[in-house]
Amino acid sequence: MKTEEITHATQHLTELVEVKNALQHECDTIKTYVDEAFQKYKEVETSRNSETTRTVLDEIVSIDNKLSKANSKKTKLEHKKQELEKTLRSLETEIDRQREETNQAFNQASKLHERIDSDREPELIQDEIKNCQAFIGNVESRVGKFDQVLAHYMEKKASYERAQEKLHKLQNALMMLNKTMVIRNKWYSLIEKHWAHQLEVAFASLMGNRGFEGVITIDFERETLTMKVAPGNKQAVQATESLSGGERSFSTVSFIMALWNIVQPPFYFLDEFDVFMDKVNRQIVLESLLSHAKESNAQFVFLTPLDTSIKPNHQTKVLKY
């Protein structure tokens, strides 16, 4: 309810109280006049022939006139009182309505924020509200209405939640892949060690056919392979650089055959493997190659510019050009 309406209702109420007091005063005055007139009347009745009779009658007439005026004024005041009471009831109804609206507004505001006690003047608060409304209007003119911004926010929020869900799934998948990679790397390391050992054993076995001692050392971290050979007439193993041409060729063919035990393609080709070998080494290598070929289901092709003493059969063919 506005302050001006409350002030106006208070003034009407004060005026109504004043009218009531005035009516009460008039009633008391009229009663006094009536009592005095009745007393005068008794005096007139007792002394009808006295000299004061006329004076008393005049006073009675005067009192009657005053009583008539008082009754007329009383009627007007009662009418005004009725109007003021009607106005007061209307104001009370309006106050109740305004109080109900205030309570509803207070309840709605309480849902948004708790009540804030302030010593500021209502005018200052109204000015601040106007400034805030102007600021909100300026922001809405640039970014859109609140409903539009809210709808846009909800849309982006939904997109963000979907992206979060996808990211969570991808993170889980990545975690599983990392675990799988750890397992695969573990098995890969085991396979590396296994085939490295197989290569070392096969190389040592092939070198032993010639009475040589061969050692292969594989460093997977440095990605290096070291080959050392000890010919039959020497004590310690040594690098292949110090070997003769035939010894080096025999070591190389033995290493290739050791690799063939690990890698098993359907076709094998070896070209000019015996060029720098002596007759003994060459014969041993040829027998080893043919033996390995007969034990395998793959096809082997050996190319050499030298003559061979190999006899062809159902498994072996010799082509000369």
C-alpha atoms as a PDB file:
ATOM      1  CA  MET A   1       0.000   0.000   0.000  1.00  0.00           C
ATOM      2  CA  LYS A   2       1.317   3.428  -0.822  1.00  0.00           C
ATOM      3  CA  THR A   3       2.382   5.888   1.910  1.00  0.00           C
ATOM      4  CA  GLU A   4      -0.045   8.580   0.643  1.00  0.00           C
ATOM      5  CA  GLU A   5      -3.040   6.207   0.964  1.00  0.00           C
ATOM      6  CA  ILE A   6      -2.044   5.235   4.511  1.00  0.00           C
ATOM      7  CA  THR A   7      -1.704   8.906   5.474  1.00  0.00           C
ATOM      8  CA  HIS A   8      -5.097   9.701   3.918  1.00  0.00           C
ATOM      9  CA  ALA A   9      -6.767   6.837   5.801  1.00  0.00           C
ATOM     10  CA  THR A  10      -5.191   7.983   9.060  1.00  0.00           C
ATOM     11  CA  GLN A  11      -6.517  11.508   8.514  1.00  0.00           C
ATOM     12  CA  HIS A  12     -10.029  10.137   7.877  1.00  0.00           C
ATOM     13  CA  LEU A  13      -9.818   8.056  11.027  1.00  0.00           C
ATOM     14  CA  THR A  14      -8.703  11.040  13.079  1.00  0.00           C
ATOM     15  CA  GLU A  15     -11.493  13.131  11.619  1.00  0.00           C
ATOM     16  CA  LEU A  16     -14.022  10.401  12.424  1.00  0.00           C
ATOM     17  CA  VAL A  17     -12.871  10.359  16.034  1.00  0.00           C
ATOM     18  CA  GLU A  18     -13.211  14.148  16.195  1.00  0.00           C
ATOM     19  CA  VAL A  19     -16.753  13.943  14.793  1.00  0.00           C
ATOM     20  CA  LYS A  20     -17.640  11.315  17.368  1.00  0.00           C
ATOM     21  CA  ASN A  21     -16.317  13.516  20.149  1.00  0.00           C
ATOM     22  CA  ALA A  22     -18.213  16.525  18.775  1.00  0.00           C
ATOM     23  CA  LEU A  23     -21.456  14.520  18.643  1.00  0.00           C
ATOM     24  CA  GLN A  24     -20.916  13.381  22.184  1.00  0.00           C
ATOM     25  CA  HIS A  25     -20.331  16.968  23.274  1.00  0.00           C
ATOM     26  CA  GLU A  26     -23.470  18.127  21.456  1.00  0.00           C
ATOM     27  CA  CYS A  27     -25.500  15.367  23.069  1.00  0.00           C
ATOM     28  CA  ASP A  28     -24.209  16.377  26.472  1.00  0.00           C
ATOM     29  CA  THR A  29     -25.064  20.041  25.728  1.00  0.00           C
ATOM     30  CA  ILE A  30     -28.554  19.172  24.520  1.00  0.00           C
ATOM     31  CA  LYS A  31     -29.131  17.046  27.582  1.00  0.00           C
ATOM     32  CA  THR A  32     -28.074  19.954  29.751  1.00  0.00           C
ATOM     33  CA  TYR A  33     -30.473  22.255  27.845  1.00  0.00           C
ATOM     34  CA  VAL A  34     -33.277  19.743  28.238  1.00  0.00           C
ATOM     35  CA  ASP A  35     -32.618  19.374  31.929  1.00  0.00           C
ATOM     36  CA  GLU A  36     -32.591  23.141  32.338  1.00  0.00           C
ATOM     37  CA  ALA A  37     -35.802  23.478  30.301  1.00  0.00           C
ATOM     38  CA  PHE A  38     -37.490  20.775  32.330  1.00  0.00           C
ATOM     39  CA  GLN A  39     -36.451  22.532  35.491  1.00  0.00           C
ATOM     40  CA  LYS A  40     -37.747  25.796  34.123  1.00  0.00           C
ATOM     41  CA  TYR A  41     -40.947  24.053  33.147  1.00  0.00           C
ATOM     42  CA  LYS A  42     -41.442  22.855  36.694  1.00  0.00           C
ATOM     43  CA  GLU A  43     -40.809  26.345  37.991  1.00  0.00           C
ATOM     44  CA  VAL A  44     -43.368  27.696  35.530  1.00  0.00           C
ATOM     45  CA  GLU A  45     -45.922  25.139  36.595  1.00  0.00           C
ATOM     46  CA  THR A  46     -45.458  26.058  40.233  1.00  0.00           C
ATOM     47  CA  SER A  47     -45.554  29.754  39.642  1.00  0.00           C
ATOM     48  CA  ARG A  48     -47.716  30.197  36.570  1.00  0.00           C
ATOM     49  CA  ASN A  49     -48.848  33.711  37.532  1.00  0.00           C
ATOM     50  CA  SER A  50     -45.414  34.993  38.535  1.00  0.00           C
ATOM     51  CA  GLU A  51     -43.661  37.766  36.681  1.00  0.00           C
ATOM     52  CA  THR A  52     -40.912  35.474  35.406  1.00  0.00           C
ATOM     53  CA  THR A  53     -43.289  33.247  33.421  1.00  0.00           C
ATOM     54  CA  ARG A  54     -42.799  35.112  30.188  1.00  0.00           C
ATOM     55  CA  THR A  55     -39.090  35.142  30.613  1.00  0.00           C
ATOM     56  CA  VAL A  56     -39.086  31.427  31.212  1.00  0.00           C
ATOM     57  CA  LEU A  57     -41.238  30.793  28.151  1.00  0.00           C
ATOM     58  CA  ASP A  58     -38.861  32.876  26.071  1.00  0.00           C
ATOM     59  CA  GLU A  59     -35.981  30.831  27.338  1.00  0.00           C
ATOM     60  CA  ILE A  60     -37.875  27.641  26.507  1.00  0.00           C
ATOM     61  CA  VAL A  61     -38.446  28.841  22.951  1.00  0.00           C
ATOM     62  CA  SER A  62     -34.762  29.750  22.730  1.00  0.00           C
ATOM     63  CA  ILE A  63     -33.855  26.323  24.032  1.00  0.00           C
ATOM     64  CA  ASP A  64     -36.181  24.684  21.524  1.00  0.00           C
ATOM     65  CA  ASN A  65     -34.491  26.592  18.727  1.00  0.00           C
ATOM     66  CA  LYS A  66     -31.106  25.544  19.967  1.00  0.00           C
ATOM     67  CA  LEU A  67     -32.357  21.972  20.265  1.00  0.00           C
ATOM     68  CA  SER A  68     -33.595  22.055  16.680  1.00  0.00           C
ATOM     69  CA  LYS A  69     -30.255  23.384  15.455  1.00  0.00           C
ATOM     70  CA  ALA A  70     -28.444  20.835  17.523  1.00  0.00           C
ATOM     71  CA  ASN A  71     -30.606  18.043  16.103  1.00  0.00           C
ATOM     72  CA  SER A  72     -29.979  19.341  12.593  1.00  0.00           C
ATOM     73  CA  LYS A  73     -26.250  19.491  13.222  1.00  0.00           C
ATOM     74  CA  LYS A  74     -26.392  16.040  14.792  1.00  0.00           C
ATOM     75  CA  THR A  75     -28.126  14.682  11.706  1.00  0.00           C
ATOM     76  CA  LYS A  76     -25.432  16.185   9.465  1.00  0.00           C
ATOM     77  CA  LEU A  77     -22.688  14.856  11.686  1.00  0.00           C
ATOM     78  CA  GLU A  78     -24.233  11.411  11.754  1.00  0.00           C
ATOM     79  CA  HIS A  79     -24.469  11.446   7.962  1.00  0.00           C
ATOM     80  CA  LYS A  80     -20.850  12.511   7.772  1.00  0.00           C
ATOM     81  CA  LYS A  81     -20.010   9.841  10.315  1.00  0.00           C
ATOM     82  CA  GLN A  82     -21.687   7.221   8.124  1.00  0.00           C
ATOM     83  CA  GLU A  83     -19.739   8.446   5.113  1.00  0.00           C
ATOM     84  CA  LEU A  84     -16.493   8.351   7.076  1.00  0.00           C
ATOM     85  CA  GLU A  85     -17.290   4.863   8.395  1.00  0.00           C
ATOM     86  CA  LYS A  86     -17.997   3.731   4.834  1.00  0.00           C
ATOM     87  CA  THR A  87     -14.697   5.269   3.714  1.00  0.00           C
ATOM     88  CA  LEU A  88     -12.955   3.650   6.671  1.00  0.00           C
ATOM     89  CA  ARG A  89     -14.378   0.195   5.801  1.00  0.00           C
ATOM     90  CA  SER A  90     -13.267   0.698   2.187  1.00  0.00           C
ATOM     91  CA  LEU A  91      -9.801   1.676   3.384  1.00  0.00           C
ATOM     92  CA  GLU A  92      -9.671  -1.310   5.715  1.00  0.00           C
ATOM     93  CA  THR A  93     -10.637  -3.587   2.804  1.00  0.00           C
ATOM     94  CA  GLU A  94      -7.917  -1.987   0.693  1.00  0.00           C
ATOM     95  CA  ILE A  95      -5.429  -2.367   3.534  1.00  0.00           C
ATOM     96  CA  ASP A  96      -6.283  -6.063   3.819  1.00  0.00           C
ATOM     97  CA  ARG A  97      -5.859  -6.508   0.059  1.00  0.00           C
ATOM     98  CA  GLN A  98      -2.572  -4.640   0.079  1.00  0.00           C
ATOM     99  CA  ARG A  99      -1.426  -6.689   3.095  1.00  0.00           C
ATOM    100  CA  GLU A 100      -2.286  -9.916   1.257  1.00  0.00           C
ATOM    101  CA  GLU A 101      -0.367  -8.759  -1.832  1.00  0.00           C
ATOM    102  CA  THR A 102       2.546  -7.755   0.395  1.00  0.00           C
ATOM    103  CA  ASN A 103       2.600 -11.175   2.064  1.00  0.00           C
ATOM    104  CA  GLN A 104       2.542 -12.916  -1.322  1.00  0.00           C
ATOM    105  CA  ALA A 105       5.337 -10.696  -2.610  1.00  0.00           C
ATOM    106  CA  PHE A 106       7.303 -11.336   0.605  1.00  0.00           C
ATOM    107  CA  ASN A 107       6.884 -15.104   0.254  1.00  0.00           C
ATOM    108  CA  GLN A 108       8.022 -15.013  -3.373  1.00  0.00           C
ATOM    109  CA  ALA A 109      10.991 -12.831  -2.451  1.00  0.00           C
ATOM    110  CA  SER A 110      11.882 -15.174   0.430  1.00  0.00           C
ATOM    111  CA  LYS A 111      12.211 -18.036  -2.073  1.00  0.00           C
ATOM    112  CA  LEU A 112      14.841 -16.031  -3.950  1.00  0.00           C
ATOM    113  CA  HIS A 113      16.733 -14.618  -0.971  1.00  0.00           C
ATOM    114  CA  GLU A 114      16.360 -14.175   2.757  1.00  0.00           C
ATOM    115  CA  ARG A 115      15.059 -10.881   4.092  1.00  0.00           C
ATOM    116  CA  ILE A 116      17.610  -8.074   4.232  1.00  0.00           C
ATOM    117  CA  ASP A 117      17.192  -5.482   6.972  1.00  0.00           C
ATOM    118  CA  SER A 118      18.156  -2.029   5.754  1.00  0.00           C
ATOM    119  CA  ASP A 119      18.188   1.462   7.252  1.00  0.00           C
ATOM    120  CA  ARG A 120      18.069   3.144   3.855  1.00  0.00           C
ATOM    121  CA  GLU A 121      15.200   5.321   2.789  1.00  0.00           C
ATOM    122  CA  PRO A 122      12.582   3.752   0.478  1.00  0.00           C
ATOM    123  CA  GLU A 123      13.328   6.427  -2.135  1.00  0.00           C
ATOM    124  CA  LEU A 124      16.983   5.370  -2.287  1.00  0.00           C
ATOM    125  CA  ILE A 125      15.989   1.731  -2.670  1.00  0.00           C
ATOM    126  CA  GLN A 126      13.514   2.668  -5.443  1.00  0.00           C
ATOM    127  CA  ASP A 127      16.250   4.601  -7.256  1.00  0.00           C
ATOM    128  CA  GLU A 128      18.585   1.630  -6.968  1.00  0.00           C
ATOM    129  CA  ILE A 129      15.864  -0.678  -8.308  1.00  0.00           C
ATOM    130  CA  LYS A 130      15.342   1.655 -11.277  1.00  0.00           C
ATOM    131  CA  ASN A 131      19.089   1.714 -11.963  1.00  0.00           C
ATOM    132  CA  CYS A 132      19.219  -2.092 -11.810  1.00  0.00           C
ATOM    133  CA  GLN A 133      16.246  -2.347 -14.159  1.00  0.00           C
ATOM    134  CA  ALA A 134      17.941   0.045 -16.577  1.00  0.00           C
ATOM    135  CA  PHE A 135      21.138  -2.005 -16.395  1.00  0.00           C
ATOM    136  CA  ILE A 136      19.197  -5.234 -16.978  1.00  0.00           C
ATOM    137  CA  GLY A 137      17.463  -3.633 -19.952  1.00  0.00           C
ATOM    138  CA  ASN A 138      20.821  -2.584 -21.389  1.00  0.00           C
ATOM    139  CA  VAL A 139      22.240  -6.102 -20.940  1.00  0.00           C
ATOM    140  CA  GLU A 140      19.153  -7.712 -22.475  1.00  0.00           C
ATOM    141  CA  SER A 141      19.423  -5.401 -25.480  1.00  0.00           C
ATOM    142  CA  ARG A 142      22.938  -6.735 -26.079  1.00  0.00           C
ATOM    143  CA  VAL A 143      22.686 -10.421 -25.165  1.00  0.00           C
ATOM    144  CA  GLY A 144      18.934 -11.075 -25.349  1.00  0.00           C
ATOM    145  CA  LYS A 145      16.129 -11.665 -22.915  1.00  0.00           C
ATOM    146  CA  PHE A 146      16.593 -13.729 -19.791  1.00  0.00           C
ATOM    147  CA  ASP A 147      14.468 -16.582 -21.163  1.00  0.00           C
ATOM    148  CA  GLN A 148      16.536 -16.663 -24.348  1.00  0.00           C
ATOM    149  CA  VAL A 149      19.823 -16.622 -22.420  1.00  0.00           C
ATOM    150  CA  LEU A 150      18.519 -19.336 -20.095  1.00  0.00           C
ATOM    151  CA  ALA A 151      17.440 -21.510 -23.030  1.00  0.00           C
ATOM    152  CA  HIS A 152      20.829 -20.999 -24.688  1.00  0.00           C
ATOM    153  CA  TYR A 153      22.558 -21.853 -21.413  1.00  0.00           C
ATOM    154  CA  MET A 154      20.502 -25.019 -20.946  1.00  0.00           C
ATOM    155  CA  GLU A 155      21.331 -26.069 -24.513  1.00  0.00           C
ATOM    156  CA  LYS A 156      25.039 -25.508 -23.958  1.00  0.00           C
ATOM    157  CA  LYS A 157      24.841 -27.253 -20.605  1.00  0.00           C
ATOM    158  CA  ALA A 158      23.238 -30.293 -22.244  1.00  0.00           C
ATOM    159  CA  SER A 159      25.976 -30.269 -24.916  1.00  0.00           C
ATOM    160  CA  TYR A 160      28.619 -29.991 -22.210  1.00  0.00           C
ATOM    161  CA  GLU A 161      27.120 -32.913 -20.288  1.00  0.00           C
ATOM    162  CA  ARG A 162      27.045 -35.027 -23.456  1.00  0.00           C
ATOM    163  CA  ALA A 163      30.671 -34.102 -24.143  1.00  0.00           C
ATOM    164  CA  GLN A 164      31.555 -34.964 -20.548  1.00  0.00           C
ATOM    165  CA  GLU A 165      29.883 -38.344 -20.935  1.00  0.00           C
ATOM    166  CA  LYS A 166      31.779 -39.023 -24.173  1.00  0.00           C
ATOM    167  CA  LEU A 167      35.011 -37.887 -22.538  1.00  0.00           C
ATOM    168  CA  HIS A 168      34.358 -40.198 -19.616  1.00  0.00           C
ATOM    169  CA  LYS A 169      33.809 -43.117 -21.995  1.00  0.00           C
ATOM    170  CA  LEU A 170      36.953 -42.209 -23.939  1.00  0.00           C
ATOM    171  CA  GLN A 171      38.927 -41.979 -20.710  1.00  0.00           C
ATOM    172  CA  ASN A 172      37.680 -45.418 -19.713  1.00  0.00           C
ATOM    173  CA  ALA A 173      38.574 -46.759 -23.152  1.00  0.00           C
ATOM    174  CA  LEU A 174      42.000 -45.106 -22.930  1.00  0.00           C
ATOM    175  CA  MET A 175      42.500 -46.635 -19.504  1.00  0.00           C
ATOM    176  CA  MET A 176      41.641 -50.060 -20.892  1.00  0.00           C
ATOM    177  CA  LEU A 177      43.982 -49.488 -23.829  1.00  0.00           C
ATOM    178  CA  ASN A 178      46.772 -48.475 -21.464  1.00  0.00           C
ATOM    179  CA  LYS A 179      46.227 -51.625 -19.441  1.00  0.00           C
ATOM    180  CA  THR A 180      46.204 -53.646 -22.666  1.00  0.00           C
ATOM    181  CA  MET A 181      49.402 -51.944 -23.807  1.00  0.00           C
ATOM    182  CA  VAL A 182      51.077 -52.763 -20.522  1.00  0.00           C
ATOM    183  CA  ILE A 183      50.095 -56.416 -20.945  1.00  0.00           C
ATOM    184  CA  ARG A 184      51.130 -56.388 -24.624  1.00  0.00           C
ATOM    185  CA  ASN A 185      54.491 -54.788 -23.790  1.00  0.00           C
ATOM    186  CA  LYS A 186      55.033 -57.388 -21.097  1.00  0.00           C
ATOM    187  CA  TRP A 187      54.317 -60.222 -23.521  1.00  0.00           C
ATOM    188  CA  TYR A 188      56.318 -58.462 -26.239  1.00  0.00           C
ATOM    189  CA  SER A 189      59.287 -58.288 -23.906  1.00  0.00           C
ATOM    190  CA  LEU A 190      58.901 -61.990 -23.131  1.00  0.00           C
ATOM    191  CA  ILE A 191      58.655 -62.799 -26.858  1.00  0.00           C
ATOM    192  CA  GLU A 192      61.745 -60.684 -27.554  1.00  0.00           C
ATOM    193  CA  LYS A 193      63.733 -62.539 -24.949  1.00  0.00           C
ATOM    194  CA  HIS A 194      62.427 -65.893 -26.189  1.00  0.00           C
ATOM    195  CA  TRP A 195      63.335 -65.308 -29.856  1.00  0.00           C
ATOM    196  CA  ALA A 196      66.634 -63.727 -28.911  1.00  0.00           C
ATOM    197  CA  HIS A 197      67.472 -66.858 -26.954  1.00  0.00           C
ATOM    198  CA  GLN A 198      66.328 -69.022 -29.871  1.00  0.00           C
ATOM    199  CA  LEU A 199      68.561 -67.006 -32.210  1.00  0.00           C
ATOM    200  CA  GLU A 200      71.554 -67.339 -29.905  1.00  0.00           C
ATOM    201  CA  VAL A 201      71.065 -71.111 -29.534  1.00  0.00           C
ATOM    202  CA  ALA A 202      70.537 -71.664 -33.293  1.00  0.00           C
ATOM    203  CA  PHE A 203      73.593 -69.559 -34.189  1.00  0.00           C
ATOM    204  CA  ALA A 204      75.772 -71.373 -31.672  1.00  0.00           C
ATOM    205  CA  SER A 205      74.527 -74.738 -33.002  1.00  0.00           C
ATOM    206  CA  LEU A 206      75.201 -73.863 -36.639  1.00  0.00           C
ATOM    207  CA  MET A 207      78.649 -72.510 -35.823  1.00  0.00           C
ATOM    208  CA  GLY A 208      79.384 -75.726 -33.947  1.00  0.00           C
ATOM    209  CA  ASN A 209      78.951 -77.710 -37.186  1.00  0.00           C
ATOM    210  CA  ARG A 210      82.243 -76.182 -38.339  1.00  0.00           C
ATOM    211  CA  GLY A 211      83.885 -76.474 -34.959  1.00  0.00           C
ATOM    212  CA  PHE A 212      83.487 -72.739 -34.336  1.00  0.00           C
ATOM    213  CA  GLU A 213      82.148 -71.044 -31.238  1.00  0.00           C
ATOM    214  CA  GLY A 214      79.644 -68.292 -31.958  1.00  0.00           C
ATOM    215  CA  VAL A 215      78.058 -65.802 -29.535  1.00  0.00           C
ATOM    216  CA  ILE A 216      75.324 -63.290 -30.337  1.00  0.00           C
ATOM    217  CA  THR A 217      74.424 -60.551 -27.837  1.00  0.00           C
ATOM    218  CA  ILE A 218      71.237 -58.518 -28.445  1.00  0.00           C
ATOM    219  CA  ASP A 219      70.591 -55.257 -26.540  1.00  0.00           C
ATOM    220  CA  PHE A 220      66.982 -54.233 -27.173  1.00  0.00           C
ATOM    221  CA  GLU A 221      67.298 -50.978 -25.266  1.00  0.00           C
ATOM    222  CA  ARG A 222      70.232 -49.781 -27.353  1.00  0.00           C
ATOM    223  CA  GLU A 223      68.920 -51.641 -30.411  1.00  0.00           C
ATOM    224  CA  THR A 224      72.257 -53.272 -31.082  1.00  0.00           C
ATOM    225  CA  LEU A 225      73.370 -56.808 -32.058  1.00  0.00           C
ATOM    226  CA  THR A 226      76.913 -57.952 -31.390  1.00  0.00           C
ATOM    227  CA  MET A 227      78.341 -61.061 -33.044  1.00  0.00           C
ATOM    228  CA  LYS A 228      81.547 -62.689 -31.863  1.00  0.00           C
ATOM    229  CA  VAL A 229      83.152 -65.832 -33.312  1.00  0.00           C
ATOM    230  CA  ALA A 230      85.980 -68.080 -32.165  1.00  0.00           C
ATOM    231  CA  PRO A 231      87.376 -70.269 -34.982  1.00  0.00           C
ATOM    232  CA  GLY A 232      88.351 -73.770 -34.052  1.00  0.00           C
ATOM    233  CA  ASN A 233      92.081 -72.972 -33.966  1.00  0.00           C
ATOM    234  CA  LYS A 234      91.714 -70.007 -31.584  1.00  0.00           C
ATOM    235  CA  GLN A 235      90.859 -69.797 -27.919  1.00  0.00           C
ATOM    236  CA  ALA A 236      88.752 -66.631 -27.339  1.00  0.00           C
ATOM    237  CA  VAL A 237      85.830 -65.268 -29.306  1.00  0.00           C
ATOM    238  CA  GLN A 238      86.484 -62.137 -31.316  1.00  0.00           C
ATOM    239  CA  ALA A 239      84.664 -59.646 -33.522  1.00  0.00           C
ATOM    240  CA  THR A 240      83.948 -60.685 -37.106  1.00  0.00           C
ATOM    241  CA  GLU A 241      86.225 -57.932 -38.448  1.00  0.00           C
ATOM    242  CA  SER A 242      89.285 -59.995 -37.532  1.00  0.00           C
ATOM    243  CA  LEU A 243      88.035 -63.111 -39.309  1.00  0.00           C
ATOM    244  CA  SER A 244      89.141 -64.256 -42.760  1.00  0.00           C
ATOM    245  CA  GLY A 245      86.813 -63.898 -45.731  1.00  0.00           C
ATOM    246  CA  GLY A 246      85.706 -67.516 -45.634  1.00  0.00           C
ATOM    247  CA  GLU A 247      85.165 -67.480 -41.841  1.00  0.00           C
ATOM    248  CA  ARG A 248      83.214 -64.293 -42.105  1.00  0.00           C
ATOM    249  CA  SER A 249      81.027 -65.668 -44.926  1.00  0.00           C
ATOM    250  CA  PHE A 250      80.393 -68.861 -42.959  1.00  0.00           C
ATOM    251  CA  SER A 251      79.428 -66.814 -39.881  1.00  0.00           C
ATOM    252  CA  THR A 252      77.095 -64.642 -41.963  1.00  0.00           C
ATOM    253  CA  VAL A 253      75.338 -67.666 -43.527  1.00  0.00           C
ATOM    254  CA  SER A 254      75.022 -69.253 -40.082  1.00  0.00           C
ATOM    255  CA  PHE A 255      73.467 -66.050 -38.759  1.00  0.00           C
ATOM    256  CA  ILE A 256      71.017 -65.949 -41.700  1.00  0.00           C
ATOM    257  CA  MET A 257      70.012 -69.547 -41.132  1.00  0.00           C
ATOM    258  CA  ALA A 258      69.529 -68.833 -37.430  1.00  0.00           C
ATOM    259  CA  LEU A 259      67.190 -65.995 -38.414  1.00  0.00           C
ATOM    260  CA  TRP A 260      65.317 -68.401 -40.717  1.00  0.00           C
ATOM    261  CA  ASN A 261      64.540 -70.561 -37.680  1.00  0.00           C
ATOM    262  CA  ILE A 262      62.662 -67.593 -36.199  1.00  0.00           C
ATOM    263  CA  VAL A 263      61.171 -65.987 -39.308  1.00  0.00           C
ATOM    264  CA  GLN A 264      59.381 -68.464 -41.534  1.00  0.00           C
ATOM    265  CA  PRO A 265      58.349 -66.919 -44.865  1.00  0.00           C
ATOM    266  CA  PRO A 266      57.132 -69.133 -47.729  1.00  0.00           C
ATOM    267  CA  PHE A 267      60.146 -68.255 -49.924  1.00  0.00           C
ATOM    268  CA  TYR A 268      63.861 -67.983 -49.158  1.00  0.00           C
ATOM    269  CA  PHE A 269      66.529 -66.485 -51.472  1.00  0.00           C
ATOM    270  CA  LEU A 270      70.284 -66.429 -50.860  1.00  0.00           C
ATOM    271  CA  ASP A 271      72.636 -64.942 -53.452  1.00  0.00           C
ATOM    272  CA  GLU A 272      76.435 -65.400 -53.786  1.00  0.00           C
ATOM    273  CA  PHE A 273      76.795 -66.641 -50.246  1.00  0.00           C
ATOM    274  CA  ASP A 274      79.898 -68.752 -51.006  1.00  0.00           C
ATOM    275  CA  VAL A 275      82.031 -66.361 -53.016  1.00  0.00           C
ATOM    276  CA  PHE A 276      84.702 -65.832 -50.333  1.00  0.00           C
ATOM    277  CA  MET A 277      84.530 -69.325 -48.793  1.00  0.00           C
ATOM    278  CA  ASP A 278      87.149 -72.002 -49.103  1.00  0.00           C
ATOM    279  CA  LYS A 279      86.183 -75.470 -50.292  1.00  0.00           C
ATOM    280  CA  VAL A 280      85.691 -76.923 -46.820  1.00  0.00           C
ATOM    281  CA  ASN A 281      83.524 -74.094 -45.509  1.00  0.00           C
ATOM    282  CA  ARG A 282      81.587 -74.021 -48.747  1.00  0.00           C
ATOM    283  CA  GLN A 283      80.772 -77.714 -48.535  1.00  0.00           C
ATOM    284  CA  ILE A 284      79.658 -77.460 -44.913  1.00  0.00           C
ATOM    285  CA  VAL A 285      77.451 -74.436 -45.668  1.00  0.00           C
ATOM    286  CA  LEU A 286      75.823 -76.113 -48.674  1.00  0.00           C
ATOM    287  CA  GLU A 287      75.038 -79.230 -46.685  1.00  0.00           C
ATOM    288  CA  SER A 288      73.587 -77.125 -43.860  1.00  0.00           C
ATOM    289  CA  LEU A 289      71.446 -75.113 -46.287  1.00  0.00           C
ATOM    290  CA  LEU A 290      70.130 -78.190 -48.052  1.00  0.00           C
ATOM    291  CA  SER A 291      69.417 -79.947 -44.766  1.00  0.00           C
ATOM    292  CA  HIS A 292      67.524 -76.945 -43.485  1.00  0.00           C
ATOM    293  CA  ALA A 293      65.581 -76.685 -46.767  1.00  0.00           C
ATOM    294  CA  LYS A 294      64.581 -80.356 -46.711  1.00  0.00           C
ATOM    295  CA  GLU A 295      63.219 -79.994 -43.147  1.00  0.00           C
ATOM    296  CA  SER A 296      61.059 -77.027 -44.128  1.00  0.00           C
ATOM    297  CA  ASN A 297      57.896 -76.830 -46.222  1.00  0.00           C
ATOM    298  CA  ALA A 298      59.019 -73.554 -47.833  1.00  0.00           C
ATOM    299  CA  GLN A 299      60.767 -73.041 -51.137  1.00  0.00           C
ATOM    300  CA  PHE A 300      64.495 -72.165 -51.160  1.00  0.00           C
ATOM    301  CA  VAL A 301      66.513 -70.598 -53.978  1.00  0.00           C
ATOM    302  CA  PHE A 302      70.321 -70.417 -53.742  1.00  0.00           C
ATOM    303  CA  LEU A 303      72.255 -68.429 -56.307  1.00  0.00           C
ATOM    304  CA  THR A 304      76.019 -68.854 -56.762  1.00  0.00           C
ATOM    305  CA  PRO A 305      78.474 -68.109 -59.583  1.00  0.00           C
ATOM    306  CA  LEU A 306      80.551 -71.165 -58.586  1.00  0.00           C
ATOM    307  CA  ASP A 307      80.152 -74.763 -59.625  1.00  0.00           C
ATOM    308  CA  THR A 308      78.429 -77.114 -57.241  1.00  0.00           C
ATOM    309  CA  SER A 309      78.641 -80.807 -56.610  1.00  0.00           C
ATOM    310  CA  ILE A 310      74.986 -81.047 -55.669  1.00  0.00           C
ATOM    311  CA  LYS A 311      73.115 -83.877 -57.344  1.00  0.00           C
ATOM    312  CA  PRO A 312      69.501 -83.099 -58.271  1.00  0.00           C
ATOM    313  CA  ASN A 313      66.641 -85.279 -56.998  1.00  0.00           C
ATOM    314  CA  HIS A 314      62.887 -85.081 -56.454  1.00  0.00           C
ATOM    315  CA  GLN A 315      63.437 -82.340 -53.825  1.00  0.00           C
ATOM    316  CA  THR A 316      66.390 -80.516 -55.329  1.00  0.00           C
ATOM    317  CA  LYS A 317      66.822 -78.975 -58.748  1.00  0.00           C
ATOM    318  CA  VAL A 318      70.060 -77.549 -60.133  1.00  0.00           C
ATOM    319  CA  LEU A 319      69.771 -74.948 -62.901  1.00  0.00           C
ATOM    320  CA  LYS A 320      72.890 -73.808 -64.729  1.00  0.00           C
ATOM    321  CA  TYR A 321      73.101 -70.825 -67.058  1.00  0.00           C
END
